[in-house]
Amino acid sequence: QVQLVESGGGLVQAGGSLRLSCAVSGGTFASFAMAWFRQAPGKEREFVATISRLGRSTDYRDSVKGRFTISRDNAKNLVYLQMNSLKPEDTAVYYCGARATYNYDYWGQGTQVTVSS
């Protein structure tokens, strides 16, 4: 069974940084494209960033471009989200997702990121 576990969330002041990690077990990690999503209270889950299976391509939602960086280490079955210049509107539960095809079939439990003013 494929399992994803996020970590690294916490409370940070605006302008600060956090690095989220997602550990993947089961399956073949390099067969998955990986992504980060987030969900703020009262809002729908939204896409944040994605990275291709070998880490050659990335994509980001416009509001995080230039601030967030997604990366992966296939030798360690880890995907990261480096978040810099954090803003209060980045506050959300961040989820790691994995897909082998079109849909994101596997999800972690989420990690809370809170950015204070």
Protein backbone atom coordinates (compact mmCIF):
# COMPACT_ATOMS: atom_id res chain seq x y z
CA GLN A 1 0.00 0.00 0.00
CA VAL A 2 1.29 3.43 -0.92
CA GLN A 3 1.52 5.80 2.03
CA LEU A 4 2.50 9.45 2.17
CA VAL A 5 3.49 11.28 5.33
CA GLU A 6 4.03 15.04 5.42
CA SER A 7 6.12 16.88 7.96
CA GLY A 8 7.74 20.24 8.50
CA GLY A 9 4.75 22.46 9.03
CA GLY A 10 4.57 24.98 11.80
CA LEU A 11 4.10 28.59 12.78
CA VAL A 12 6.22 31.21 11.08
CA GLN A 13 6.14 34.97 10.75
CA ALA A 14 5.44 36.65 7.44
CA GLY A 15 8.58 36.75 5.37
CA GLY A 16 9.94 33.60 6.94
CA SER A 17 10.63 30.19 5.49
CA LEU A 18 9.64 26.59 5.99
CA ARG A 19 10.52 23.38 4.25
CA LEU A 20 7.91 20.67 4.03
CA SER A 21 8.81 17.05 3.46
CA CYS A 22 6.75 14.16 2.18
CA ALA A 23 7.95 10.61 2.71
CA VAL A 24 6.56 7.98 0.38
CA SER A 25 6.48 4.26 1.09
CA GLY A 26 5.13 1.45 -1.02
CA GLY A 27 4.92 1.44 -4.77
CA THR A 28 7.75 2.72 -6.89
CA PHE A 29 8.46 6.31 -5.99
CA ALA A 30 10.03 7.22 -9.31
CA SER A 31 6.87 6.12 -11.10
CA PHE A 32 4.90 8.91 -9.42
CA ALA A 33 4.62 12.49 -10.34
CA MET A 34 4.35 14.36 -7.06
CA ALA A 35 2.54 17.48 -6.04
CA TRP A 36 1.67 19.72 -3.14
CA PHE A 37 -1.83 21.00 -2.51
CA ARG A 38 -3.21 23.13 0.26
CA GLN A 39 -6.53 23.84 1.86
CA ALA A 40 -7.40 26.84 3.97
CA PRO A 41 -10.45 26.92 6.26
CA GLY A 42 -13.63 27.45 4.28
CA LYS A 43 -11.89 27.01 0.95
CA GLU A 44 -11.44 24.20 -1.50
CA ARG A 45 -8.18 22.37 -1.84
CA GLU A 46 -5.95 24.07 -4.37
CA PHE A 47 -2.92 23.08 -6.36
CA VAL A 48 0.41 24.51 -5.22
CA ALA A 49 3.25 22.81 -7.09
CA THR A 50 4.11 19.65 -8.97
CA ILE A 51 7.23 17.86 -10.06
CA SER A 52 7.68 15.21 -12.71
CA ARG A 53 8.87 11.68 -12.04
CA LEU A 54 12.55 12.36 -12.55
CA GLY A 55 12.42 15.91 -11.29
CA ARG A 56 13.08 17.46 -14.67
CA SER A 57 9.94 19.57 -14.81
CA THR A 58 8.09 21.64 -12.26
CA ASP A 59 5.02 23.80 -12.22
CA TYR A 60 3.54 26.22 -9.69
CA ARG A 61 0.43 28.19 -9.13
CA ASP A 62 1.01 31.82 -9.94
CA SER A 63 0.76 33.09 -6.39
CA VAL A 64 3.76 31.05 -5.22
CA LYS A 65 6.04 31.39 -8.23
CA GLY A 66 9.41 32.75 -7.22
CA ARG A 67 8.77 31.94 -3.57
CA PHE A 68 8.22 28.17 -3.43
CA THR A 69 10.41 25.42 -4.84
CA ILE A 70 9.40 21.79 -5.19
CA SER A 71 12.10 19.15 -5.38
CA ARG A 72 12.49 15.43 -4.97
CA ASP A 73 15.10 12.89 -3.98
CA ASN A 74 14.26 9.60 -5.61
CA ALA A 75 17.01 7.80 -3.72
CA LYS A 76 15.27 8.69 -0.45
CA ASN A 77 11.65 8.58 -1.61
CA LEU A 78 11.18 12.17 -0.53
CA VAL A 79 9.59 15.23 -2.01
CA TYR A 80 10.07 18.70 -0.59
CA LEU A 81 8.45 22.07 -0.73
CA GLN A 82 10.75 24.92 0.16
CA MET A 83 8.64 27.93 1.03
CA ASN A 84 10.26 31.34 1.26
CA SER A 85 8.86 34.82 1.75
CA LEU A 86 5.78 33.35 3.35
CA LYS A 87 2.62 35.39 3.49
CA PRO A 88 -0.42 35.09 5.76
CA GLU A 89 -2.45 33.93 2.78
CA ASP A 90 -0.19 30.87 2.58
CA THR A 91 -1.75 29.63 5.81
CA ALA A 92 -3.33 26.26 5.13
CA VAL A 93 -3.03 22.56 5.61
CA TYR A 94 -0.56 21.33 3.04
CA TYR A 95 -1.04 17.93 1.47
CA CYS A 96 1.33 15.78 -0.53
CA GLY A 97 -0.15 13.88 -3.45
CA ALA A 98 1.14 11.20 -5.80
CA ARG A 99 -0.06 10.12 -9.20
CA ALA A 100 1.05 7.42 -11.57
CA THR A 101 -1.37 8.52 -14.27
CA TYR A 102 -3.70 11.47 -14.58
CA ASN A 103 -5.32 11.48 -11.16
CA TYR A 104 -3.69 11.96 -7.81
CA ASP A 105 -4.48 8.61 -6.26
CA TYR A 106 -2.58 8.87 -3.00
CA TRP A 107 -2.55 11.54 -0.33
CA GLY A 108 -0.88 12.26 2.94
CA GLN A 109 -2.59 13.37 6.13
CA GLY A 110 -1.52 16.98 5.78
CA THR A 111 0.68 19.32 7.76
CA GLN A 112 -0.40 22.69 9.10
CA VAL A 113 1.37 25.85 7.98
CA THR A 114 0.45 29.03 9.79
CA VAL A 115 1.92 32.37 8.77
CA SER A 116 1.42 35.24 11.16
CA SER A 117 1.56 38.95 10.42
